[in-house]
Amino acid sequence: LVLALLFGMDFFVFESSSFFPEWLSIISISLAILFILLTLLTLYFFSV
């Protein structure tokens, strides 16, 4: 729950903010990749 909330808030802040420079979009992409890995890890955790 804590990790999902953190990723959700960070991703929302980086996607909705227009005052960030263009090159900071790499952080948004990194957060999306980490969120996908966390989702897979969580699915594996429930199965394990």
All heavy atoms as atom14 arrays in JSON, in Angstrom:
{
  "sequence": "LVLALLFGMDFFVFESSSFFPEWLSIISISLAILFILLTLLTLYFFSV",
  "atom14_mask": [
    [1, 1, 1, 1, 1, 1, 1, 1, 0, 0, 0, 0, 0, 0],
    [1, 1, 1, 1, 1, 1, 1, 0, 0, 0, 0, 0, 0, 0],
    [1, 1, 1, 1, 1, 1, 1, 1, 0, 0, 0, 0, 0, 0],
    [1, 1, 1, 1, 1, 0, 0, 0, 0, 0, 0, 0, 0, 0],
    [1, 1, 1, 1, 1, 1, 1, 1, 0, 0, 0, 0, 0, 0],
    [1, 1, 1, 1, 1, 1, 1, 1, 0, 0, 0, 0, 0, 0],
    [1, 1, 1, 1, 1, 1, 1, 1, 1, 1, 1, 0, 0, 0],
    [1, 1, 1, 1, 0, 0, 0, 0, 0, 0, 0, 0, 0, 0],
    [1, 1, 1, 1, 1, 1, 1, 1, 0, 0, 0, 0, 0, 0],
    [1, 1, 1, 1, 1, 1, 1, 1, 0, 0, 0, 0, 0, 0],
    [1, 1, 1, 1, 1, 1, 1, 1, 1, 1, 1, 0, 0, 0],
    [1, 1, 1, 1, 1, 1, 1, 1, 1, 1, 1, 0, 0, 0],
    [1, 1, 1, 1, 1, 1, 1, 0, 0, 0, 0, 0, 0, 0],
    [1, 1, 1, 1, 1, 1, 1, 1, 1, 1, 1, 0, 0, 0],
    [1, 1, 1, 1, 1, 1, 1, 1, 1, 0, 0, 0, 0, 0],
    [1, 1, 1, 1, 1, 1, 0, 0, 0, 0, 0, 0, 0, 0],
    [1, 1, 1, 1, 1, 1, 0, 0, 0, 0, 0, 0, 0, 0],
    [1, 1, 1, 1, 1, 1, 0, 0, 0, 0, 0, 0, 0, 0],
    [1, 1, 1, 1, 1, 1, 1, 1, 1, 1, 1, 0, 0, 0],
    [1, 1, 1, 1, 1, 1, 1, 1, 1, 1, 1, 0, 0, 0],
    [1, 1, 1, 1, 1, 1, 1, 0, 0, 0, 0, 0, 0, 0],
    [1, 1, 1, 1, 1, 1, 1, 1, 1, 0, 0, 0, 0, 0],
    [1, 1, 1, 1, 1, 1, 1, 1, 1, 1, 1, 1, 1, 1],
    [1, 1, 1, 1, 1, 1, 1, 1, 0, 0, 0, 0, 0, 0],
    [1, 1, 1, 1, 1, 1, 0, 0, 0, 0, 0, 0, 0, 0],
    [1, 1, 1, 1, 1, 1, 1, 1, 0, 0, 0, 0, 0, 0],
    [1, 1, 1, 1, 1, 1, 1, 1, 0, 0, 0, 0, 0, 0],
    [1, 1, 1, 1, 1, 1, 0, 0, 0, 0, 0, 0, 0, 0],
    [1, 1, 1, 1, 1, 1, 1, 1, 0, 0, 0, 0, 0, 0],
    [1, 1, 1, 1, 1, 1, 0, 0, 0, 0, 0, 0, 0, 0],
    [1, 1, 1, 1, 1, 1, 1, 1, 0, 0, 0, 0, 0, 0],
    [1, 1, 1, 1, 1, 0, 0, 0, 0, 0, 0, 0, 0, 0],
    [1, 1, 1, 1, 1, 1, 1, 1, 0, 0, 0, 0, 0, 0],
    [1, 1, 1, 1, 1, 1, 1, 1, 0, 0, 0, 0, 0, 0],
    [1, 1, 1, 1, 1, 1, 1, 1, 1, 1, 1, 0, 0, 0],
    [1, 1, 1, 1, 1, 1, 1, 1, 0, 0, 0, 0, 0, 0],
    [1, 1, 1, 1, 1, 1, 1, 1, 0, 0, 0, 0, 0, 0],
    [1, 1, 1, 1, 1, 1, 1, 1, 0, 0, 0, 0, 0, 0],
    [1, 1, 1, 1, 1, 1, 1, 0, 0, 0, 0, 0, 0, 0],
    [1, 1, 1, 1, 1, 1, 1, 1, 0, 0, 0, 0, 0, 0],
    [1, 1, 1, 1, 1, 1, 1, 1, 0, 0, 0, 0, 0, 0],
    [1, 1, 1, 1, 1, 1, 1, 0, 0, 0, 0, 0, 0, 0],
    [1, 1, 1, 1, 1, 1, 1, 1, 0, 0, 0, 0, 0, 0],
    [1, 1, 1, 1, 1, 1, 1, 1, 1, 1, 1, 1, 0, 0],
    [1, 1, 1, 1, 1, 1, 1, 1, 1, 1, 1, 0, 0, 0],
    [1, 1, 1, 1, 1, 1, 1, 1, 1, 1, 1, 0, 0, 0],
    [1, 1, 1, 1, 1, 1, 0, 0, 0, 0, 0, 0, 0, 0],
    [1, 1, 1, 1, 1, 1, 1, 0, 0, 0, 0, 0, 0, 0]
  ],
  "atom14_positions": [
    [[0.83, -1.21, 0.0], [0.0, 0.0, 0.0], [0.86, 1.27, 0.0], [0.61, 2.2, -0.76], [-0.94, -0.01, 1.21], [-1.89, 1.15, 1.35], [-2.86, 1.19, 0.18], [-2.64, 1.05, 2.65], [0.0, 0.0, 0.0], [0.0, 0.0, 0.0], [0.0, 0.0, 0.0], [0.0, 0.0, 0.0], [0.0, 0.0, 0.0], [0.0, 0.0, 0.0]],
    [[1.9, 1.28, 0.81], [2.78, 2.46, 0.89], [3.49, 2.7, -0.44], [3.52, 3.82, -0.94], [3.8, 2.29, 2.05], [4.87, 3.36, 2.0], [3.08, 2.3, 3.39], [0.0, 0.0, 0.0], [0.0, 0.0, 0.0], [0.0, 0.0, 0.0], [0.0, 0.0, 0.0], [0.0, 0.0, 0.0], [0.0, 0.0, 0.0], [0.0, 0.0, 0.0]],
    [[4.05, 1.64, -1.02], [4.75, 1.8, -2.29], [3.81, 2.23, -3.42], [4.17, 3.08, -4.24], [5.47, 0.51, -2.67], [6.7, 0.18, -1.83], [7.24, -1.2, -2.2], [7.77, 1.23, -2.01], [0.0, 0.0, 0.0], [0.0, 0.0, 0.0], [0.0, 0.0, 0.0], [0.0, 0.0, 0.0], [0.0, 0.0, 0.0], [0.0, 0.0, 0.0]],
    [[2.62, 1.66, -3.46], [1.66, 2.04, -4.49], [1.26, 3.51, -4.35], [1.17, 4.23, -5.35], [0.43, 1.15, -4.42], [0.0, 0.0, 0.0], [0.0, 0.0, 0.0], [0.0, 0.0, 0.0], [0.0, 0.0, 0.0], [0.0, 0.0, 0.0], [0.0, 0.0, 0.0], [0.0, 0.0, 0.0], [0.0, 0.0, 0.0], [0.0, 0.0, 0.0]],
    [[1.06, 3.97, -3.13], [0.72, 5.38, -2.91], [1.87, 6.3, -3.31], [1.65, 7.34, -3.94], [0.34, 5.61, -1.46], [-1.03, 5.1, -1.03], [-1.21, 5.23, 0.47], [-2.13, 5.84, -1.77], [0.0, 0.0, 0.0], [0.0, 0.0, 0.0], [0.0, 0.0, 0.0], [0.0, 0.0, 0.0], [0.0, 0.0, 0.0], [0.0, 0.0, 0.0]],
    [[3.09, 5.92, -2.96], [4.25, 6.74, -3.33], [4.43, 6.84, -4.84], [4.63, 7.92, -5.39], [5.52, 6.2, -2.68], [5.69, 6.45, -1.19], [6.92, 5.75, -0.66], [5.76, 7.95, -0.92], [0.0, 0.0, 0.0], [0.0, 0.0, 0.0], [0.0, 0.0, 0.0], [0.0, 0.0, 0.0], [0.0, 0.0, 0.0], [0.0, 0.0, 0.0]],
    [[4.35, 5.69, -5.52], [4.49, 5.7, -6.97], [3.35, 6.48, -7.61], [3.56, 7.23, -8.55], [4.52, 4.28, -7.54], [5.88, 3.66, -7.51], [6.13, 2.58, -6.7], [6.9, 4.16, -8.29], [7.38, 2.0, -6.68], [8.16, 3.59, -8.28], [8.4, 2.51, -7.47], [0.0, 0.0, 0.0], [0.0, 0.0, 0.0], [0.0, 0.0, 0.0]],
    [[2.16, 6.29, -7.11], [1.01, 7.01, -7.66], [1.14, 8.51, -7.51], [0.89, 9.26, -8.45], [0.0, 0.0, 0.0], [0.0, 0.0, 0.0], [0.0, 0.0, 0.0], [0.0, 0.0, 0.0], [0.0, 0.0, 0.0], [0.0, 0.0, 0.0], [0.0, 0.0, 0.0], [0.0, 0.0, 0.0], [0.0, 0.0, 0.0], [0.0, 0.0, 0.0]],
    [[1.54, 8.96, -6.32], [1.7, 10.4, -6.09], [2.84, 10.98, -6.93], [2.7, 12.05, -7.53], [1.93, 10.68, -4.61], [0.69, 10.51, -3.76], [0.86, 11.05, -2.06], [2.23, 10.08, -1.47], [0.0, 0.0, 0.0], [0.0, 0.0, 0.0], [0.0, 0.0, 0.0], [0.0, 0.0, 0.0], [0.0, 0.0, 0.0], [0.0, 0.0, 0.0]],
    [[3.97, 10.29, -6.97], [5.1, 10.79, -7.76], [4.75, 10.86, -9.24], [5.04, 11.85, -9.91], [6.32, 9.91, -7.56], [6.94, 10.07, -6.19], [6.63, 11.07, -5.52], [7.73, 9.19, -5.79], [0.0, 0.0, 0.0], [0.0, 0.0, 0.0], [0.0, 0.0, 0.0], [0.0, 0.0, 0.0], [0.0, 0.0, 0.0], [0.0, 0.0, 0.0]],
    [[4.14, 9.8, -9.74], [3.78, 9.79, -11.15], [2.77, 10.88, -11.47], [2.87, 11.57, -12.48], [3.22, 8.41, -11.53], [3.02, 8.23, -12.99], [4.11, 8.07, -13.83], [1.75, 8.22, -13.53], [3.93, 7.91, -15.19], [1.56, 8.06, -14.89], [2.65, 7.9, -15.72], [0.0, 0.0, 0.0], [0.0, 0.0, 0.0], [0.0, 0.0, 0.0]],
    [[1.82, 11.09, -10.58], [0.81, 12.14, -10.78], [1.46, 13.52, -10.79], [1.13, 14.37, -11.61], [-0.26, 12.05, -9.7], [-1.32, 13.09, -9.81], [-2.27, 13.03, -10.82], [-1.36, 14.16, -8.92], [-3.24, 14.0, -10.93], [-2.33, 15.13, -9.02], [-3.28, 15.05, -10.03], [0.0, 0.0, 0.0], [0.0, 0.0, 0.0], [0.0, 0.0, 0.0]],
    [[2.39, 13.75, -9.89], [3.06, 15.05, -9.81], [3.86, 15.31, -11.08], [3.79, 16.4, -11.66], [3.97, 15.13, -8.56], [4.94, 16.3, -8.65], [3.14, 15.22, -7.31], [0.0, 0.0, 0.0], [0.0, 0.0, 0.0], [0.0, 0.0, 0.0], [0.0, 0.0, 0.0], [0.0, 0.0, 0.0], [0.0, 0.0, 0.0], [0.0, 0.0, 0.0]],
    [[4.62, 14.31, -11.54], [5.45, 14.53, -12.72], [4.63, 14.63, -14.0], [5.01, 15.33, -14.94], [6.51, 13.43, -12.86], [7.68, 13.64, -11.95], [7.89, 12.8, -10.88], [8.55, 14.68, -12.16], [8.95, 13.0, -10.02], [9.62, 14.89, -11.32], [9.83, 14.04, -10.24], [0.0, 0.0, 0.0], [0.0, 0.0, 0.0], [0.0, 0.0, 0.0]],
    [[3.53, 13.94, -14.08], [2.7, 14.0, -15.29], [1.84, 15.25, -15.35], [1.55, 15.76, -16.42], [1.81, 12.76, -15.38], [2.52, 11.54, -15.88], [3.07, 11.72, -17.29], [2.34, 12.18, -18.18], [4.25, 11.4, -17.48], [0.0, 0.0, 0.0], [0.0, 0.0, 0.0], [0.0, 0.0, 0.0], [0.0, 0.0, 0.0], [0.0, 0.0, 0.0]],
    [[1.38, 15.73, -14.2], [0.46, 16.86, -14.22], [1.15, 18.22, -14.15], [0.51, 19.24, -14.36], [-0.53, 16.73, -13.06], [0.16, 16.86, -11.83], [0.0, 0.0, 0.0], [0.0, 0.0, 0.0], [0.0, 0.0, 0.0], [0.0, 0.0, 0.0], [0.0, 0.0, 0.0], [0.0, 0.0, 0.0], [0.0, 0.0, 0.0], [0.0, 0.0, 0.0]],
    [[2.41, 18.23, -13.86], [3.12, 19.51, -13.7], [3.68, 19.96, -15.04], [4.48, 19.27, -15.66], [4.25, 19.37, -12.7], [3.72, 19.04, -11.44], [0.0, 0.0, 0.0], [0.0, 0.0, 0.0], [0.0, 0.0, 0.0], [0.0, 0.0, 0.0], [0.0, 0.0, 0.0], [0.0, 0.0, 0.0], [0.0, 0.0, 0.0], [0.0, 0.0, 0.0]],
    [[3.28, 21.14, -15.43], [3.78, 21.69, -16.69], [5.02, 22.56, -16.48], [5.66, 22.95, -17.44], [2.69, 22.51, -17.37], [2.3, 23.56, -16.53], [0.0, 0.0, 0.0], [0.0, 0.0, 0.0], [0.0, 0.0, 0.0], [0.0, 0.0, 0.0], [0.0, 0.0, 0.0], [0.0, 0.0, 0.0], [0.0, 0.0, 0.0], [0.0, 0.0, 0.0]],
    [[5.35, 22.83, -15.24], [6.5, 23.7, -14.98], [7.82, 22.94, -14.88], [8.87, 23.54, -14.69], [6.29, 24.54, -13.71], [6.02, 23.75, -12.47], [7.06, 23.3, -11.67], [4.72, 23.47, -12.09], [6.81, 22.59, -10.52], [4.47, 22.74, -10.94], [5.51, 22.3, -10.16], [0.0, 0.0, 0.0], [0.0, 0.0, 0.0], [0.0, 0.0, 0.0]],
    [[7.8, 21.62, -15.01], [9.04, 20.85, -15.03], [9.66, 20.93, -16.41], [8.96, 20.92, -17.42], [8.79, 19.38, -14.68], [8.55, 19.15, -13.22], [7.35, 18.62, -12.78], [9.51, 19.44, -12.28], [7.12, 18.39, -11.44], [9.3, 19.22, -10.93], [8.1, 18.7, -10.51], [0.0, 0.0, 0.0], [0.0, 0.0, 0.0], [0.0, 0.0, 0.0]],
    [[10.99, 20.99, -16.48], [11.64, 20.99, -17.8], [11.38, 19.68, -18.54], [11.06, 18.66, -17.94], [13.13, 21.12, -17.47], [13.22, 21.48, -16.04], [11.93, 21.13, -15.39], [0.0, 0.0, 0.0], [0.0, 0.0, 0.0], [0.0, 0.0, 0.0], [0.0, 0.0, 0.0], [0.0, 0.0, 0.0], [0.0, 0.0, 0.0], [0.0, 0.0, 0.0]],
    [[11.55, 19.74, -19.84], [11.27, 18.58, -20.69], [12.17, 17.39, -20.35], [11.74, 16.25, -20.4], [11.49, 19.0, -22.16], [11.07, 17.97, -23.16], [9.57, 17.87, -23.3], [8.87, 18.84, -23.0], [9.12, 16.79, -23.7], [0.0, 0.0, 0.0], [0.0, 0.0, 0.0], [0.0, 0.0, 0.0], [0.0, 0.0, 0.0], [0.0, 0.0, 0.0]],
    [[13.42, 17.66, -20.0], [14.35, 16.57, -19.74], [14.0, 15.8, -18.47], [14.48, 14.69, -18.26], [15.79, 17.1, -19.67], [16.02, 18.1, -18.59], [15.87, 19.45, -18.69], [16.44, 17.84, -17.25], [16.17, 20.05, -17.5], [16.53, 19.09, -16.59], [16.76, 16.69, -16.54], [16.91, 19.2, -15.27], [17.14, 16.81, -15.23], [17.21, 18.05, -14.61]],
    [[13.17, 16.35, -17.59], [12.77, 15.64, -16.38], [11.71, 14.57, -16.65], [11.32, 13.84, -15.75], [12.25, 16.62, -15.33], [13.29, 17.17, -14.37], [12.65, 18.14, -13.4], [14.01, 16.09, -13.64], [0.0, 0.0, 0.0], [0.0, 0.0, 0.0], [0.0, 0.0, 0.0], [0.0, 0.0, 0.0], [0.0, 0.0, 0.0], [0.0, 0.0, 0.0]],
    [[11.27, 14.47, -17.9], [10.3, 13.41, -18.22], [10.92, 12.03, -18.07], [10.21, 11.05, -17.95], [9.76, 13.61, -19.63], [10.79, 13.45, -20.57], [0.0, 0.0, 0.0], [0.0, 0.0, 0.0], [0.0, 0.0, 0.0], [0.0, 0.0, 0.0], [0.0, 0.0, 0.0], [0.0, 0.0, 0.0], [0.0, 0.0, 0.0], [0.0, 0.0, 0.0]],
    [[12.24, 11.96, -18.05], [12.92, 10.67, -17.84], [12.56, 10.11, -16.46], [12.46, 8.9, -16.27], [14.45, 10.81, -18.02], [15.12, 9.45, -18.08], [15.07, 11.58, -16.92], [15.24, 8.93, -19.45], [0.0, 0.0, 0.0], [0.0, 0.0, 0.0], [0.0, 0.0, 0.0], [0.0, 0.0, 0.0], [0.0, 0.0, 0.0], [0.0, 0.0, 0.0]],
    [[12.35, 10.99, -15.5], [11.96, 10.54, -14.16], [10.57, 9.93, -14.2], [10.31, 8.9, -13.57], [12.04, 11.71, -13.15], [13.49, 12.14, -12.98], [11.43, 11.31, -11.81], [13.69, 13.36, -12.12], [0.0, 0.0, 0.0], [0.0, 0.0, 0.0], [0.0, 0.0, 0.0], [0.0, 0.0, 0.0], [0.0, 0.0, 0.0], [0.0, 0.0, 0.0]],
    [[9.69, 10.53, -14.96], [8.34, 9.99, -15.1], [8.36, 8.61, -15.75], [7.66, 7.7, -15.33], [7.49, 10.96, -15.92], [6.21, 10.44, -16.1], [0.0, 0.0, 0.0], [0.0, 0.0, 0.0], [0.0, 0.0, 0.0], [0.0, 0.0, 0.0], [0.0, 0.0, 0.0], [0.0, 0.0, 0.0], [0.0, 0.0, 0.0], [0.0, 0.0, 0.0]],
    [[9.19, 8.46, -16.77], [9.32, 7.16, -17.44], [9.93, 6.14, -16.49], [9.49, 4.99, -16.43], [10.16, 7.31, -18.73], [9.4, 8.16, -19.73], [10.5, 5.95, -19.32], [10.21, 8.6, -20.92], [0.0, 0.0, 0.0], [0.0, 0.0, 0.0], [0.0, 0.0, 0.0], [0.0, 0.0, 0.0], [0.0, 0.0, 0.0], [0.0, 0.0, 0.0]],
    [[10.93, 6.56, -15.72], [11.55, 5.65, -14.74], [10.55, 5.21, -13.7], [10.52, 4.03, -13.31], [12.73, 6.33, -14.06], [13.69, 6.73, -14.99], [0.0, 0.0, 0.0], [0.0, 0.0, 0.0], [0.0, 0.0, 0.0], [0.0, 0.0, 0.0], [0.0, 0.0, 0.0], [0.0, 0.0, 0.0], [0.0, 0.0, 0.0], [0.0, 0.0, 0.0]],
    [[9.72, 6.13, -13.23], [8.69, 5.77, -12.25], [7.68, 4.8, -12.84], [7.22, 3.88, -12.15], [7.99, 7.02, -11.73], [8.78, 7.88, -10.76], [8.03, 9.17, -10.46], [9.06, 7.12, -9.48], [0.0, 0.0, 0.0], [0.0, 0.0, 0.0], [0.0, 0.0, 0.0], [0.0, 0.0, 0.0], [0.0, 0.0, 0.0], [0.0, 0.0, 0.0]],
    [[7.34, 4.99, -14.1], [6.39, 4.06, -14.74], [6.99, 2.67, -14.84], [6.3, 1.67, -14.57], [6.01, 4.6, -16.12], [0.0, 0.0, 0.0], [0.0, 0.0, 0.0], [0.0, 0.0, 0.0], [0.0, 0.0, 0.0], [0.0, 0.0, 0.0], [0.0, 0.0, 0.0], [0.0, 0.0, 0.0], [0.0, 0.0, 0.0], [0.0, 0.0, 0.0]],
    [[8.25, 2.56, -15.19], [8.92, 1.26, -15.28], [9.01, 0.61, -13.91], [8.73, -0.59, -13.75], [10.31, 1.4, -15.94], [10.14, 1.77, -17.41], [11.13, 0.13, -15.78], [11.43, 2.17, -18.1], [0.0, 0.0, 0.0], [0.0, 0.0, 0.0], [0.0, 0.0, 0.0], [0.0, 0.0, 0.0], [0.0, 0.0, 0.0], [0.0, 0.0, 0.0]],
    [[9.38, 1.39, -12.9], [9.44, 0.85, -11.54], [8.06, 0.41, -11.05], [7.93, -0.6, -10.35], [10.05, 1.87, -10.59], [11.55, 2.06, -10.69], [12.0, 3.2, -9.79], [12.28, 0.79, -10.34], [0.0, 0.0, 0.0], [0.0, 0.0, 0.0], [0.0, 0.0, 0.0], [0.0, 0.0, 0.0], [0.0, 0.0, 0.0], [0.0, 0.0, 0.0]],
    [[7.03, 1.14, -11.43], [5.68, 0.76, -11.04], [5.26, -0.56, -11.69], [4.64, -1.41, -11.06], [4.69, 1.87, -11.41], [3.29, 1.55, -10.99], [2.93, 1.6, -9.65], [2.34, 1.18, -11.93], [1.63, 1.3, -9.25], [1.05, 0.88, -11.54], [0.7, 0.94, -10.2], [0.0, 0.0, 0.0], [0.0, 0.0, 0.0], [0.0, 0.0, 0.0]],
    [[5.64, -0.74, -12.95], [5.34, -2.01, -13.63], [6.08, -3.16, -12.95], [5.5, -4.23, -12.72], [5.7, -1.91, -15.13], [4.72, -0.97, -15.82], [5.7, -3.28, -15.79], [5.12, -0.6, -17.23], [0.0, 0.0, 0.0], [0.0, 0.0, 0.0], [0.0, 0.0, 0.0], [0.0, 0.0, 0.0], [0.0, 0.0, 0.0], [0.0, 0.0, 0.0]],
    [[7.34, -2.95, -12.61], [8.1, -4.0, -11.9], [7.5, -4.28, -10.52], [7.42, -5.44, -10.1], [9.56, -3.6, -11.78], [10.36, -3.62, -13.07], [11.77, -3.09, -12.84], [10.41, -5.02, -13.65], [0.0, 0.0, 0.0], [0.0, 0.0, 0.0], [0.0, 0.0, 0.0], [0.0, 0.0, 0.0], [0.0, 0.0, 0.0], [0.0, 0.0, 0.0]],
    [[7.06, -3.24, -9.82], [6.42, -3.43, -8.52], [5.12, -4.22, -8.67], [4.81, -5.08, -7.84], [6.16, -2.09, -7.85], [5.37, -2.16, -6.54], [6.21, -2.8, -5.45], [4.89, -0.8, -6.12], [0.0, 0.0, 0.0], [0.0, 0.0, 0.0], [0.0, 0.0, 0.0], [0.0, 0.0, 0.0], [0.0, 0.0, 0.0], [0.0, 0.0, 0.0]],
    [[4.37, -3.92, -9.72], [3.12, -4.65, -9.96], [3.4, -6.12, -10.21], [2.73, -6.99, -9.64], [2.37, -4.03, -11.15], [2.14, -2.64, -10.88], [1.05, -4.72, -11.38], [0.0, 0.0, 0.0], [0.0, 0.0, 0.0], [0.0, 0.0, 0.0], [0.0, 0.0, 0.0], [0.0, 0.0, 0.0], [0.0, 0.0, 0.0], [0.0, 0.0, 0.0]],
    [[4.38, -6.42, -11.04], [4.75, -7.82, -11.28], [5.25, -8.49, -10.01], [4.89, -9.63, -9.71], [5.83, -7.91, -12.36], [5.36, -8.01, -13.79], [6.55, -7.99, -14.73], [4.52, -9.23, -14.01], [0.0, 0.0, 0.0], [0.0, 0.0, 0.0], [0.0, 0.0, 0.0], [0.0, 0.0, 0.0], [0.0, 0.0, 0.0], [0.0, 0.0, 0.0]],
    [[6.07, -7.79, -9.26], [6.59, -8.33, -8.0], [5.45, -8.62, -7.03], [5.44, -9.66, -6.35], [7.59, -7.36, -7.38], [8.26, -7.8, -6.08], [9.15, -9.01, -6.33], [9.05, -6.67, -5.49], [0.0, 0.0, 0.0], [0.0, 0.0, 0.0], [0.0, 0.0, 0.0], [0.0, 0.0, 0.0], [0.0, 0.0, 0.0], [0.0, 0.0, 0.0]],
    [[4.47, -7.73, -6.97], [3.33, -7.93, -6.08], [2.49, -9.12, -6.52], [2.06, -9.92, -5.69], [2.47, -6.66, -6.04], [3.29, -5.57, -5.62], [1.32, -6.81, -5.08], [0.0, 0.0, 0.0], [0.0, 0.0, 0.0], [0.0, 0.0, 0.0], [0.0, 0.0, 0.0], [0.0, 0.0, 0.0], [0.0, 0.0, 0.0], [0.0, 0.0, 0.0]],
    [[2.27, -9.26, -7.82], [1.54, -10.43, -8.32], [2.28, -11.72, -7.98], [1.67, -12.71, -7.56], [1.33, -10.32, -9.83], [0.24, -9.37, -10.29], [0.3, -9.2, -11.8], [-1.12, -9.87, -9.86], [0.0, 0.0, 0.0], [0.0, 0.0, 0.0], [0.0, 0.0, 0.0], [0.0, 0.0, 0.0], [0.0, 0.0, 0.0], [0.0, 0.0, 0.0]],
    [[3.6, -11.7, -8.17], [4.39, -12.88, -7.81], [4.32, -13.14, -6.31], [4.26, -14.28, -5.88], [5.84, -12.7, -8.23], [6.12, -12.99, -9.68], [5.11, -13.04, -10.63], [7.42, -13.21, -10.13], [5.38, -13.31, -11.96], [7.7, -13.49, -11.45], [6.67, -13.53, -12.35], [6.93, -13.8, -13.66], [0.0, 0.0, 0.0], [0.0, 0.0, 0.0]],
    [[4.35, -12.08, -5.52], [4.3, -12.23, -4.06], [3.01, -12.92, -3.63], [3.03, -13.82, -2.79], [4.43, -10.87, -3.38], [4.16, -10.91, -1.91], [5.08, -11.44, -1.03], [2.96, -10.44, -1.4], [4.83, -11.49, 0.33], [2.69, -10.48, -0.05], [3.62, -11.01, 0.82], [0.0, 0.0, 0.0], [0.0, 0.0, 0.0], [0.0, 0.0, 0.0]],
    [[1.88, -12.48, -4.19], [0.62, -13.11, -3.81], [0.58, -14.58, -4.21], [0.06, -15.42, -3.48], [-0.56, -12.35, -4.41], [-0.82, -11.03, -3.76], [-1.08, -9.92, -4.52], [-0.78, -10.9, -2.38], [-1.33, -8.69, -3.93], [-1.01, -9.67, -1.76], [-1.28, -8.57, -2.55], [0.0, 0.0, 0.0], [0.0, 0.0, 0.0], [0.0, 0.0, 0.0]],
    [[1.15, -14.9, -5.37], [1.19, -16.29, -5.8], [2.13, -17.12, -4.93], [1.81, -18.25, -4.57], [1.63, -16.38, -7.26], [0.69, -15.72, -8.08], [0.0, 0.0, 0.0], [0.0, 0.0, 0.0], [0.0, 0.0, 0.0], [0.0, 0.0, 0.0], [0.0, 0.0, 0.0], [0.0, 0.0, 0.0], [0.0, 0.0, 0.0], [0.0, 0.0, 0.0]],
    [[3.28, -16.56, -4.6], [4.22, -17.27, -3.71], [3.59, -17.46, -2.33], [3.77, -18.5, -1.7], [5.56, -16.5, -3.62], [6.42, -16.99, -2.48], [6.31, -16.61, -4.93], [0.0, 0.0, 0.0], [0.0, 0.0, 0.0], [0.0, 0.0, 0.0], [0.0, 0.0, 0.0], [0.0, 0.0, 0.0], [0.0, 0.0, 0.0], [0.0, 0.0, 0.0]]
  ]
}
